Amino acid sequence: VELAHELLAAGADILDVGGESATTGRPPVAVEEEIERVVPLVQRLAGELGAIVSVDTYKPPVARAAIVAGARIVNDVSGLRDPELAQVCAQTGAALVVMHTRAAPRERLQDPDLYAEIAGEVRAFLRERMAVAVAAGVDPEQLIVDPGPDFAKTPAQTIRLLTELGRMHELGRPLLMAISRKDFI
C-alpha cells in the first residue's frame, strides 16, 4: 500500500496487482491462495487510495473476486486461454487486457523460427482473441490489447515487433505493454 501511494504520487494512473509470479519453472498458485494474496490489497488500493486497479490473472475465480474487491481491469497474460475469463468481464463490465503469447502461463518459449512475420501474426492472434471475447459478451469498448513483448518471443523478435508497433493500431483498441525491467531492458 505504501508503494502504491508512492506510485500514485509519482503519476501512475493504474496499479496492476498480481498474486502469482510469471516466472518459469514455478508451480501455479492455487486459486484460493491467489485470491487471499490479491483481494485485500485490491480493496485497500481501490478503497483507501481511490486507485484504478488492474488484476493480473488468467484465472476466472481470481478475476471475479478482485473485481468484487474493486479492480476495474483484468490483465490476462495467457492470451485468453480460458474464455470464461471473458465471461467474467462481460458480466461485470471490467475491462479486459488480451495479450499475445503462444506459451502457457509460466512457460518459456523462445524459438527464433517461431514467426515468419511477427507483427502480422501478433495482430491476427489478437484479432482472433478479441473475437472470442466479444463472442463471450465483452463489449469491444472493454478491450485493451497487449502485443506481449518478451512473451514467447526472443529479444530480436520483440525488437522487430516494436519497430512495427504501429500496425497494432489497426485493431482499433488501446495498446498496453508491460515492459519488464527483468527481461526487456
N, C-alpha and C. Protein backbone atom coordinates (compact mmCIF):
# COMPACT_ATOMS: atom_id res chain seq x y z
N VAL A 1 0.84 -1.19 0.00
CA VAL A 1 0.00 0.00 0.00
C VAL A 1 0.88 1.24 0.00
N GLU A 2 1.97 1.18 0.76
CA GLU A 2 2.90 2.30 0.80
C GLU A 2 3.51 2.56 -0.59
N LEU A 3 3.94 1.49 -1.25
CA LEU A 3 4.48 1.62 -2.61
C LEU A 3 3.43 2.16 -3.56
N ALA A 4 2.21 1.68 -3.45
CA ALA A 4 1.13 2.16 -4.31
C ALA A 4 0.92 3.66 -4.13
N HIS A 5 0.96 4.10 -2.88
CA HIS A 5 0.81 5.52 -2.60
C HIS A 5 1.92 6.32 -3.28
N GLU A 6 3.15 5.82 -3.21
CA GLU A 6 4.28 6.48 -3.86
C GLU A 6 4.10 6.51 -5.38
N LEU A 7 3.65 5.40 -5.95
CA LEU A 7 3.46 5.33 -7.40
C LEU A 7 2.38 6.30 -7.86
N LEU A 8 1.29 6.38 -7.12
CA LEU A 8 0.23 7.33 -7.47
C LEU A 8 0.73 8.76 -7.37
N ALA A 9 1.49 9.06 -6.33
CA ALA A 9 2.04 10.40 -6.16
C ALA A 9 3.01 10.75 -7.29
N ALA A 10 3.68 9.72 -7.83
CA ALA A 10 4.62 9.94 -8.93
C ALA A 10 3.92 10.02 -10.29
N GLY A 11 2.60 9.81 -10.31
CA GLY A 11 1.86 9.98 -11.56
C GLY A 11 1.27 8.73 -12.17
N ALA A 12 1.35 7.59 -11.48
CA ALA A 12 0.76 6.37 -12.02
C ALA A 12 -0.76 6.55 -12.14
N ASP A 13 -1.32 6.06 -13.23
CA ASP A 13 -2.77 6.12 -13.44
C ASP A 13 -3.45 4.81 -13.07
N ILE A 14 -2.74 3.70 -13.23
CA ILE A 14 -3.30 2.38 -12.99
C ILE A 14 -2.27 1.58 -12.20
N LEU A 15 -2.75 0.83 -11.21
CA LEU A 15 -1.88 -0.06 -10.44
C LEU A 15 -2.27 -1.49 -10.78
N ASP A 16 -1.29 -2.30 -11.18
CA ASP A 16 -1.52 -3.69 -11.56
C ASP A 16 -1.09 -4.59 -10.41
N VAL A 17 -2.01 -5.42 -9.94
CA VAL A 17 -1.76 -6.29 -8.79
C VAL A 17 -1.86 -7.74 -9.24
N GLY A 18 -0.85 -8.52 -8.93
CA GLY A 18 -0.87 -9.94 -9.27
C GLY A 18 -0.48 -10.78 -8.08
N GLY A 19 -1.05 -11.97 -8.00
CA GLY A 19 -0.77 -12.85 -6.88
C GLY A 19 0.01 -14.09 -7.26
N GLU A 20 0.46 -14.15 -8.51
CA GLU A 20 1.23 -15.31 -8.97
C GLU A 20 2.34 -14.82 -9.89
N SER A 21 3.54 -15.25 -9.64
CA SER A 21 4.68 -14.86 -10.46
C SER A 21 4.57 -15.49 -11.85
N ALA A 22 4.98 -14.74 -12.85
CA ALA A 22 5.02 -15.27 -14.22
C ALA A 22 6.33 -16.02 -14.48
N THR A 23 7.20 -16.09 -13.48
CA THR A 23 8.48 -16.75 -13.63
C THR A 23 8.31 -18.20 -14.02
N THR A 24 9.11 -18.63 -14.97
CA THR A 24 9.04 -20.02 -15.42
C THR A 24 9.57 -20.96 -14.36
N GLY A 25 9.13 -22.19 -14.40
CA GLY A 25 9.63 -23.21 -13.52
C GLY A 25 9.02 -23.22 -12.13
N ARG A 26 8.11 -22.32 -11.86
CA ARG A 26 7.45 -22.30 -10.56
C ARG A 26 6.06 -22.92 -10.71
N PRO A 27 5.61 -23.65 -9.70
CA PRO A 27 4.27 -24.22 -9.80
C PRO A 27 3.21 -23.12 -9.70
N PRO A 28 2.05 -23.37 -10.28
CA PRO A 28 0.98 -22.37 -10.17
C PRO A 28 0.51 -22.23 -8.73
N VAL A 29 0.01 -21.06 -8.42
CA VAL A 29 -0.56 -20.79 -7.11
C VAL A 29 -2.02 -21.24 -7.14
N ALA A 30 -2.48 -21.90 -6.10
CA ALA A 30 -3.87 -22.33 -6.02
C ALA A 30 -4.79 -21.11 -6.06
N VAL A 31 -5.96 -21.27 -6.64
CA VAL A 31 -6.92 -20.17 -6.78
C VAL A 31 -7.19 -19.51 -5.43
N GLU A 32 -7.45 -20.30 -4.40
CA GLU A 32 -7.77 -19.75 -3.08
C GLU A 32 -6.63 -18.91 -2.52
N GLU A 33 -5.41 -19.39 -2.70
CA GLU A 33 -4.25 -18.64 -2.20
C GLU A 33 -4.06 -17.35 -3.00
N GLU A 34 -4.25 -17.42 -4.32
CA GLU A 34 -4.11 -16.21 -5.13
C GLU A 34 -5.16 -15.17 -4.72
N ILE A 35 -6.37 -15.61 -4.46
CA ILE A 35 -7.42 -14.69 -4.00
C ILE A 35 -7.01 -14.07 -2.66
N GLU A 36 -6.49 -14.88 -1.75
CA GLU A 36 -6.06 -14.37 -0.44
C GLU A 36 -4.95 -13.33 -0.58
N ARG A 37 -4.09 -13.50 -1.58
CA ARG A 37 -2.99 -12.56 -1.80
C ARG A 37 -3.48 -11.25 -2.42
N VAL A 38 -4.43 -11.36 -3.33
CA VAL A 38 -4.81 -10.22 -4.16
C VAL A 38 -5.94 -9.36 -3.57
N VAL A 39 -6.98 -10.00 -3.10
CA VAL A 39 -8.20 -9.27 -2.73
C VAL A 39 -7.97 -8.21 -1.64
N PRO A 40 -7.29 -8.51 -0.53
CA PRO A 40 -7.11 -7.46 0.48
C PRO A 40 -6.36 -6.24 -0.05
N LEU A 41 -5.39 -6.48 -0.91
CA LEU A 41 -4.63 -5.36 -1.47
C LEU A 41 -5.49 -4.56 -2.44
N VAL A 42 -6.23 -5.23 -3.30
CA VAL A 42 -7.12 -4.53 -4.23
C VAL A 42 -8.12 -3.67 -3.45
N GLN A 43 -8.69 -4.23 -2.39
CA GLN A 43 -9.65 -3.48 -1.57
C GLN A 43 -9.02 -2.19 -1.03
N ARG A 44 -7.81 -2.30 -0.54
CA ARG A 44 -7.16 -1.12 0.04
C ARG A 44 -6.78 -0.10 -1.03
N LEU A 45 -6.25 -0.59 -2.16
CA LEU A 45 -5.82 0.35 -3.20
C LEU A 45 -7.02 1.07 -3.82
N ALA A 46 -8.07 0.33 -4.10
CA ALA A 46 -9.26 0.94 -4.70
C ALA A 46 -10.03 1.77 -3.68
N GLY A 47 -10.14 1.25 -2.45
CA GLY A 47 -10.93 1.92 -1.42
C GLY A 47 -10.21 3.09 -0.78
N GLU A 48 -9.11 2.81 -0.09
CA GLU A 48 -8.39 3.85 0.65
C GLU A 48 -7.72 4.87 -0.26
N LEU A 49 -7.11 4.39 -1.36
CA LEU A 49 -6.35 5.29 -2.22
C LEU A 49 -7.15 5.77 -3.43
N GLY A 50 -8.29 5.15 -3.69
CA GLY A 50 -9.10 5.55 -4.86
C GLY A 50 -8.43 5.24 -6.18
N ALA A 51 -7.54 4.25 -6.19
CA ALA A 51 -6.77 3.92 -7.40
C ALA A 51 -7.60 3.11 -8.39
N ILE A 52 -7.27 3.27 -9.66
CA ILE A 52 -7.77 2.35 -10.68
C ILE A 52 -6.86 1.14 -10.60
N VAL A 53 -7.47 -0.03 -10.33
CA VAL A 53 -6.68 -1.23 -10.11
C VAL A 53 -6.95 -2.25 -11.21
N SER A 54 -5.86 -2.81 -11.68
CA SER A 54 -5.88 -3.92 -12.63
C SER A 54 -5.43 -5.16 -11.89
N VAL A 55 -6.08 -6.30 -12.17
CA VAL A 55 -5.65 -7.55 -11.57
C VAL A 55 -4.99 -8.40 -12.65
N ASP A 56 -3.78 -8.83 -12.39
CA ASP A 56 -3.00 -9.66 -13.32
C ASP A 56 -3.29 -11.11 -12.99
N THR A 57 -4.20 -11.71 -13.75
CA THR A 57 -4.55 -13.11 -13.53
C THR A 57 -5.13 -13.70 -14.81
N TYR A 58 -5.04 -15.01 -14.89
CA TYR A 58 -5.67 -15.73 -16.01
C TYR A 58 -6.75 -16.67 -15.47
N LYS A 59 -7.02 -16.58 -14.18
CA LYS A 59 -7.97 -17.47 -13.52
C LYS A 59 -9.29 -16.75 -13.27
N PRO A 60 -10.39 -17.23 -13.86
CA PRO A 60 -11.68 -16.57 -13.69
C PRO A 60 -12.12 -16.33 -12.25
N PRO A 61 -11.98 -17.30 -11.32
CA PRO A 61 -12.41 -17.01 -9.95
C PRO A 61 -11.61 -15.88 -9.29
N VAL A 62 -10.33 -15.80 -9.60
CA VAL A 62 -9.49 -14.73 -9.04
C VAL A 62 -9.95 -13.39 -9.62
N ALA A 63 -10.19 -13.36 -10.92
CA ALA A 63 -10.65 -12.13 -11.56
C ALA A 63 -11.96 -11.67 -10.93
N ARG A 64 -12.90 -12.58 -10.77
CA ARG A 64 -14.20 -12.22 -10.20
C ARG A 64 -14.04 -11.66 -8.78
N ALA A 65 -13.24 -12.32 -7.96
CA ALA A 65 -13.04 -11.86 -6.58
C ALA A 65 -12.36 -10.48 -6.55
N ALA A 66 -11.40 -10.27 -7.42
CA ALA A 66 -10.70 -8.98 -7.46
C ALA A 66 -11.62 -7.87 -7.95
N ILE A 67 -12.49 -8.18 -8.89
CA ILE A 67 -13.44 -7.18 -9.38
C ILE A 67 -14.41 -6.80 -8.27
N VAL A 68 -14.91 -7.78 -7.54
CA VAL A 68 -15.78 -7.50 -6.40
C VAL A 68 -15.05 -6.62 -5.38
N ALA A 69 -13.74 -6.82 -5.24
CA ALA A 69 -12.93 -6.04 -4.30
C ALA A 69 -12.62 -4.63 -4.80
N GLY A 70 -12.88 -4.38 -6.09
CA GLY A 70 -12.65 -3.03 -6.61
C GLY A 70 -11.81 -2.93 -7.86
N ALA A 71 -11.25 -4.04 -8.35
CA ALA A 71 -10.47 -3.97 -9.60
C ALA A 71 -11.40 -3.62 -10.76
N ARG A 72 -10.88 -2.84 -11.69
CA ARG A 72 -11.69 -2.43 -12.85
C ARG A 72 -11.16 -2.98 -14.16
N ILE A 73 -10.00 -3.63 -14.11
CA ILE A 73 -9.36 -4.17 -15.31
C ILE A 73 -8.84 -5.57 -14.98
N VAL A 74 -9.01 -6.50 -15.92
CA VAL A 74 -8.40 -7.82 -15.80
C VAL A 74 -7.30 -7.89 -16.84
N ASN A 75 -6.07 -8.09 -16.38
CA ASN A 75 -4.90 -8.15 -17.25
C ASN A 75 -4.51 -9.62 -17.41
N ASP A 76 -4.95 -10.20 -18.53
CA ASP A 76 -4.76 -11.64 -18.78
C ASP A 76 -3.52 -11.87 -19.62
N VAL A 77 -2.48 -12.46 -19.04
CA VAL A 77 -1.25 -12.71 -19.77
C VAL A 77 -1.22 -14.09 -20.41
N SER A 78 -2.37 -14.76 -20.46
CA SER A 78 -2.40 -16.11 -21.03
C SER A 78 -2.84 -16.15 -22.48
N GLY A 79 -3.19 -15.00 -23.04
CA GLY A 79 -3.72 -15.00 -24.41
C GLY A 79 -5.17 -15.48 -24.44
N LEU A 80 -5.89 -15.26 -23.37
CA LEU A 80 -7.29 -15.65 -23.22
C LEU A 80 -7.47 -17.14 -23.48
N ARG A 81 -6.62 -17.94 -22.82
CA ARG A 81 -6.73 -19.40 -22.94
C ARG A 81 -8.04 -19.92 -22.37
N ASP A 82 -8.60 -19.21 -21.39
CA ASP A 82 -9.85 -19.63 -20.78
C ASP A 82 -10.92 -18.59 -21.10
N PRO A 83 -11.83 -18.89 -22.04
CA PRO A 83 -12.87 -17.92 -22.42
C PRO A 83 -13.78 -17.53 -21.25
N GLU A 84 -13.79 -18.32 -20.18
CA GLU A 84 -14.60 -17.95 -19.02
C GLU A 84 -14.14 -16.63 -18.43
N LEU A 85 -12.85 -16.31 -18.60
CA LEU A 85 -12.34 -15.03 -18.12
C LEU A 85 -13.05 -13.89 -18.84
N ALA A 86 -13.29 -14.05 -20.13
CA ALA A 86 -14.03 -13.04 -20.89
C ALA A 86 -15.47 -12.93 -20.38
N GLN A 87 -16.06 -14.06 -20.03
CA GLN A 87 -17.43 -14.04 -19.50
C GLN A 87 -17.49 -13.25 -18.19
N VAL A 88 -16.48 -13.38 -17.34
CA VAL A 88 -16.42 -12.62 -16.09
C VAL A 88 -16.42 -11.12 -16.41
N CYS A 89 -15.62 -10.73 -17.39
CA CYS A 89 -15.56 -9.31 -17.77
C CYS A 89 -16.88 -8.86 -18.39
N ALA A 90 -17.49 -9.71 -19.20
CA ALA A 90 -18.78 -9.37 -19.80
C ALA A 90 -19.84 -9.15 -18.72
N GLN A 91 -19.85 -10.00 -17.72
CA GLN A 91 -20.86 -9.92 -16.66
C GLN A 91 -20.64 -8.73 -15.73
N THR A 92 -19.40 -8.33 -15.53
CA THR A 92 -19.09 -7.29 -14.55
C THR A 92 -18.81 -5.93 -15.17
N GLY A 93 -18.53 -5.90 -16.46
CA GLY A 93 -18.18 -4.64 -17.11
C GLY A 93 -16.72 -4.26 -16.98
N ALA A 94 -15.91 -5.13 -16.37
CA ALA A 94 -14.48 -4.84 -16.22
C ALA A 94 -13.81 -4.85 -17.59
N ALA A 95 -12.81 -4.00 -17.74
CA ALA A 95 -12.01 -4.01 -18.97
C ALA A 95 -11.19 -5.29 -19.00
N LEU A 96 -10.83 -5.72 -20.20
CA LEU A 96 -10.06 -6.95 -20.38
C LEU A 96 -8.85 -6.67 -21.26
N VAL A 97 -7.68 -6.93 -20.72
CA VAL A 97 -6.44 -6.83 -21.50
C VAL A 97 -6.18 -8.22 -22.08
N VAL A 98 -6.11 -8.28 -23.39
CA VAL A 98 -5.81 -9.53 -24.09
C VAL A 98 -4.38 -9.42 -24.61
N MET A 99 -3.51 -10.32 -24.15
CA MET A 99 -2.11 -10.27 -24.52
C MET A 99 -1.75 -11.38 -25.49
N HIS A 100 -0.82 -11.08 -26.38
CA HIS A 100 -0.32 -12.10 -27.29
C HIS A 100 0.73 -12.95 -26.60
N THR A 101 0.55 -14.25 -26.68
CA THR A 101 1.57 -15.21 -26.29
C THR A 101 1.20 -16.55 -26.89
N ARG A 102 2.21 -17.31 -27.20
CA ARG A 102 1.98 -18.69 -27.64
C ARG A 102 2.31 -19.68 -26.55
N ALA A 103 2.80 -19.18 -25.43
CA ALA A 103 3.21 -20.04 -24.32
C ALA A 103 2.14 -20.04 -23.24
N ALA A 104 2.00 -21.14 -22.56
CA ALA A 104 1.13 -21.22 -21.39
C ALA A 104 1.74 -20.39 -20.27
N PRO A 105 0.93 -19.96 -19.30
CA PRO A 105 1.49 -19.19 -18.19
C PRO A 105 2.69 -19.90 -17.55
N ARG A 106 3.72 -19.11 -17.26
CA ARG A 106 4.98 -19.55 -16.66
C ARG A 106 5.79 -20.48 -17.54
N GLU A 107 5.44 -20.63 -18.79
CA GLU A 107 6.21 -21.44 -19.73
C GLU A 107 7.09 -20.51 -20.57
N ARG A 108 8.33 -20.87 -20.73
CA ARG A 108 9.25 -20.05 -21.54
C ARG A 108 9.33 -20.66 -22.93
N LEU A 109 9.11 -19.83 -23.92
CA LEU A 109 9.18 -20.27 -25.31
C LEU A 109 9.93 -19.21 -26.09
N GLN A 110 11.14 -19.53 -26.49
CA GLN A 110 11.94 -18.61 -27.29
C GLN A 110 12.52 -19.39 -28.46
N ASP A 111 11.81 -19.33 -29.57
CA ASP A 111 12.19 -20.03 -30.78
C ASP A 111 12.42 -19.00 -31.88
N PRO A 112 13.65 -18.86 -32.35
CA PRO A 112 13.93 -17.84 -33.36
C PRO A 112 13.20 -18.10 -34.68
N ASP A 113 12.67 -19.30 -34.87
CA ASP A 113 11.95 -19.62 -36.11
C ASP A 113 10.43 -19.65 -35.92
N LEU A 114 9.94 -19.16 -34.80
CA LEU A 114 8.52 -19.28 -34.47
C LEU A 114 7.63 -18.41 -35.35
N TYR A 115 8.12 -17.25 -35.75
CA TYR A 115 7.28 -16.30 -36.50
C TYR A 115 7.89 -16.01 -37.86
N ALA A 116 7.10 -16.14 -38.91
CA ALA A 116 7.56 -15.76 -40.24
C ALA A 116 7.46 -14.24 -40.41
N GLU A 117 6.39 -13.67 -39.88
CA GLU A 117 6.15 -12.22 -39.99
C GLU A 117 5.47 -11.80 -38.69
N ILE A 118 6.28 -11.43 -37.69
CA ILE A 118 5.80 -11.31 -36.32
C ILE A 118 4.66 -10.31 -36.14
N ALA A 119 4.76 -9.13 -36.69
CA ALA A 119 3.72 -8.12 -36.46
C ALA A 119 2.37 -8.60 -37.01
N GLY A 120 2.37 -9.18 -38.18
CA GLY A 120 1.13 -9.68 -38.76
C GLY A 120 0.56 -10.84 -37.97
N GLU A 121 1.43 -11.72 -37.50
CA GLU A 121 0.96 -12.87 -36.72
C GLU A 121 0.42 -12.45 -35.36
N VAL A 122 1.08 -11.48 -34.72
CA VAL A 122 0.60 -10.98 -33.44
C VAL A 122 -0.75 -10.29 -33.63
N ARG A 123 -0.85 -9.47 -34.66
CA ARG A 123 -2.11 -8.77 -34.93
C ARG A 123 -3.24 -9.77 -35.20
N ALA A 124 -2.98 -10.80 -35.99
CA ALA A 124 -4.00 -11.80 -36.30
C ALA A 124 -4.42 -12.55 -35.03
N PHE A 125 -3.47 -12.91 -34.19
CA PHE A 125 -3.77 -13.59 -32.93
C PHE A 125 -4.66 -12.71 -32.06
N LEU A 126 -4.28 -11.44 -31.91
CA LEU A 126 -5.07 -10.54 -31.07
C LEU A 126 -6.47 -10.33 -31.64
N ARG A 127 -6.58 -10.22 -32.93
CA ARG A 127 -7.89 -10.06 -33.57
C ARG A 127 -8.78 -11.28 -33.27
N GLU A 128 -8.19 -12.48 -33.36
CA GLU A 128 -8.94 -13.70 -33.10
C GLU A 128 -9.35 -13.79 -31.63
N ARG A 129 -8.46 -13.43 -30.72
CA ARG A 129 -8.78 -13.47 -29.30
C ARG A 129 -9.82 -12.40 -28.94
N MET A 130 -9.75 -11.25 -29.61
CA MET A 130 -10.78 -10.22 -29.41
C MET A 130 -12.14 -10.77 -29.83
N ALA A 131 -12.19 -11.51 -30.92
CA ALA A 131 -13.44 -12.10 -31.39
C ALA A 131 -13.98 -13.10 -30.37
N VAL A 132 -13.10 -13.87 -29.76
CA VAL A 132 -13.52 -14.81 -28.71
C VAL A 132 -14.14 -14.04 -27.55
N ALA A 133 -13.51 -12.95 -27.15
CA ALA A 133 -14.03 -12.15 -26.04
C ALA A 133 -15.40 -11.56 -26.38
N VAL A 134 -15.52 -11.02 -27.57
CA VAL A 134 -16.80 -10.43 -27.99
C VAL A 134 -17.88 -11.51 -28.06
N ALA A 135 -17.53 -12.69 -28.55
CA ALA A 135 -18.50 -13.80 -28.60
C ALA A 135 -18.94 -14.20 -27.19
N ALA A 136 -18.09 -13.97 -26.19
CA ALA A 136 -18.43 -14.29 -24.80
C ALA A 136 -19.24 -13.16 -24.16
N GLY A 137 -19.48 -12.08 -24.90
CA GLY A 137 -20.30 -10.99 -24.38
C GLY A 137 -19.56 -9.73 -24.01
N VAL A 138 -18.26 -9.70 -24.19
CA VAL A 138 -17.48 -8.50 -23.87
C VAL A 138 -17.76 -7.43 -24.93
N ASP A 139 -18.07 -6.24 -24.49
CA ASP A 139 -18.25 -5.12 -25.41
C ASP A 139 -16.87 -4.76 -25.97
N PRO A 140 -16.74 -4.54 -27.28
CA PRO A 140 -15.43 -4.19 -27.83
C PRO A 140 -14.77 -3.00 -27.12
N GLU A 141 -15.57 -2.09 -26.57
CA GLU A 141 -15.01 -0.93 -25.86
C GLU A 141 -14.31 -1.33 -24.56
N GLN A 142 -14.55 -2.55 -24.06
CA GLN A 142 -13.90 -3.03 -22.84
C GLN A 142 -12.51 -3.58 -23.13
N LEU A 143 -12.16 -3.77 -24.39
CA LEU A 143 -10.93 -4.48 -24.74
C LEU A 143 -9.72 -3.56 -24.86
N ILE A 144 -8.62 -4.05 -24.36
CA ILE A 144 -7.29 -3.44 -24.49
C ILE A 144 -6.40 -4.56 -25.01
N VAL A 145 -5.49 -4.24 -25.92
CA VAL A 145 -4.62 -5.29 -26.45
C VAL A 145 -3.16 -5.03 -26.06
N ASP A 146 -2.46 -6.14 -25.85
CA ASP A 146 -1.05 -6.10 -25.46
C ASP A 146 -0.30 -7.04 -26.39
N PRO A 147 0.62 -6.51 -27.22
CA PRO A 147 1.36 -7.37 -28.13
C PRO A 147 2.35 -8.31 -27.44
N GLY A 148 2.51 -8.18 -26.14
CA GLY A 148 3.30 -9.15 -25.36
C GLY A 148 4.79 -9.14 -25.62
N PRO A 149 5.46 -7.99 -25.50
CA PRO A 149 6.91 -8.01 -25.64
C PRO A 149 7.52 -9.03 -24.69
N ASP A 150 8.44 -9.82 -25.19
CA ASP A 150 9.18 -10.84 -24.43
C ASP A 150 8.38 -12.10 -24.11
N PHE A 151 7.07 -12.11 -24.30
CA PHE A 151 6.29 -13.31 -24.03
C PHE A 151 6.28 -14.20 -25.26
N ALA A 152 6.94 -15.35 -25.17
CA ALA A 152 7.07 -16.29 -26.28
C ALA A 152 7.73 -15.63 -27.48
N LYS A 153 8.71 -14.78 -27.17
CA LYS A 153 9.45 -14.07 -28.22
C LYS A 153 10.92 -13.96 -27.80
N THR A 154 11.79 -14.08 -28.75
CA THR A 154 13.20 -13.82 -28.48
C THR A 154 13.39 -12.31 -28.39
N PRO A 155 14.51 -11.85 -27.84
CA PRO A 155 14.76 -10.41 -27.85
C PRO A 155 14.69 -9.81 -29.26
N ALA A 156 15.23 -10.50 -30.24
CA ALA A 156 15.19 -9.99 -31.62
C ALA A 156 13.75 -9.90 -32.14
N GLN A 157 12.94 -10.88 -31.81
CA GLN A 157 11.53 -10.84 -32.23
C GLN A 157 10.79 -9.69 -31.55
N THR A 158 11.08 -9.46 -30.27
CA THR A 158 10.46 -8.34 -29.57
C THR A 158 10.85 -7.02 -30.21
N ILE A 159 12.12 -6.85 -30.53
CA ILE A 159 12.57 -5.61 -31.16
C ILE A 159 11.89 -5.43 -32.51
N ARG A 160 11.81 -6.49 -33.30
CA ARG A 160 11.14 -6.41 -34.60
C ARG A 160 9.67 -6.02 -34.43
N LEU A 161 9.01 -6.63 -33.46
CA LEU A 161 7.61 -6.30 -33.19
C LEU A 161 7.46 -4.83 -32.82
N LEU A 162 8.35 -4.33 -31.97
CA LEU A 162 8.27 -2.94 -31.55
C LEU A 162 8.51 -1.97 -32.71
N THR A 163 9.34 -2.37 -33.67
CA THR A 163 9.57 -1.47 -34.81
C THR A 163 8.33 -1.38 -35.70
N GLU A 164 7.44 -2.36 -35.58
CA GLU A 164 6.21 -2.37 -36.38
C GLU A 164 4.97 -2.20 -35.50
N LEU A 165 5.16 -1.61 -34.33
CA LEU A 165 4.08 -1.48 -33.37
C LEU A 165 2.88 -0.71 -33.93
N GLY A 166 3.11 0.22 -34.82
CA GLY A 166 2.02 0.98 -35.42
C GLY A 166 0.95 0.10 -36.05
N ARG A 167 1.33 -1.07 -36.50
CA ARG A 167 0.37 -1.98 -37.12
C ARG A 167 -0.67 -2.49 -36.11
N MET A 168 -0.34 -2.45 -34.83
CA MET A 168 -1.29 -2.90 -33.82
C MET A 168 -2.47 -1.94 -33.69
N HIS A 169 -2.26 -0.69 -34.10
CA HIS A 169 -3.36 0.28 -34.03
C HIS A 169 -4.49 -0.07 -34.99
N GLU A 170 -4.20 -0.92 -35.96
CA GLU A 170 -5.24 -1.37 -36.89
C GLU A 170 -6.33 -2.15 -36.17
N LEU A 171 -6.06 -2.62 -34.96
CA LEU A 171 -7.05 -3.35 -34.19
C LEU A 171 -8.10 -2.42 -33.59
N GLY A 172 -7.80 -1.13 -33.57
CA GLY A 172 -8.76 -0.14 -33.11
C GLY A 172 -8.99 -0.12 -31.60
N ARG A 173 -8.06 -0.64 -30.84
CA ARG A 173 -8.18 -0.67 -29.38
C ARG A 173 -6.93 -0.08 -28.75
N PRO A 174 -7.04 0.41 -27.53
CA PRO A 174 -5.84 0.93 -26.86
C PRO A 174 -4.81 -0.18 -26.70
N LEU A 175 -3.54 0.23 -26.73
CA LEU A 175 -2.43 -0.71 -26.56
C LEU A 175 -1.85 -0.55 -25.16
N LEU A 176 -1.50 -1.68 -24.56
CA LEU A 176 -0.82 -1.69 -23.29
C LEU A 176 0.38 -2.62 -23.45
N MET A 177 1.50 -2.22 -22.91
CA MET A 177 2.67 -3.11 -22.94
C MET A 177 3.35 -3.08 -21.59
N ALA A 178 3.57 -4.24 -21.03
CA ALA A 178 4.30 -4.36 -19.78
C ALA A 178 5.76 -4.58 -20.14
N ILE A 179 6.52 -3.54 -20.07
CA ILE A 179 7.93 -3.64 -20.41
C ILE A 179 8.69 -3.96 -19.12
N SER A 180 9.03 -5.24 -18.96
CA SER A 180 9.66 -5.73 -17.75
C SER A 180 11.12 -5.29 -17.68
N ARG A 181 11.49 -4.78 -16.55
CA ARG A 181 12.90 -4.43 -16.38
C ARG A 181 13.76 -5.67 -16.28
N LYS A 182 13.14 -6.81 -15.98
CA LYS A 182 13.90 -8.05 -15.84
C LYS A 182 14.30 -8.63 -17.21
N ASP A 183 13.40 -8.59 -18.16
CA ASP A 183 13.69 -9.17 -19.47
C ASP A 183 14.00 -8.10 -20.51
N PHE A 184 13.08 -7.21 -20.70
CA PHE A 184 13.16 -6.28 -21.82
C PHE A 184 14.39 -5.39 -21.77
N ILE A 185 14.60 -4.73 -20.66
CA ILE A 185 15.72 -3.78 -20.59
C ILE A 185 17.03 -4.53 -20.64
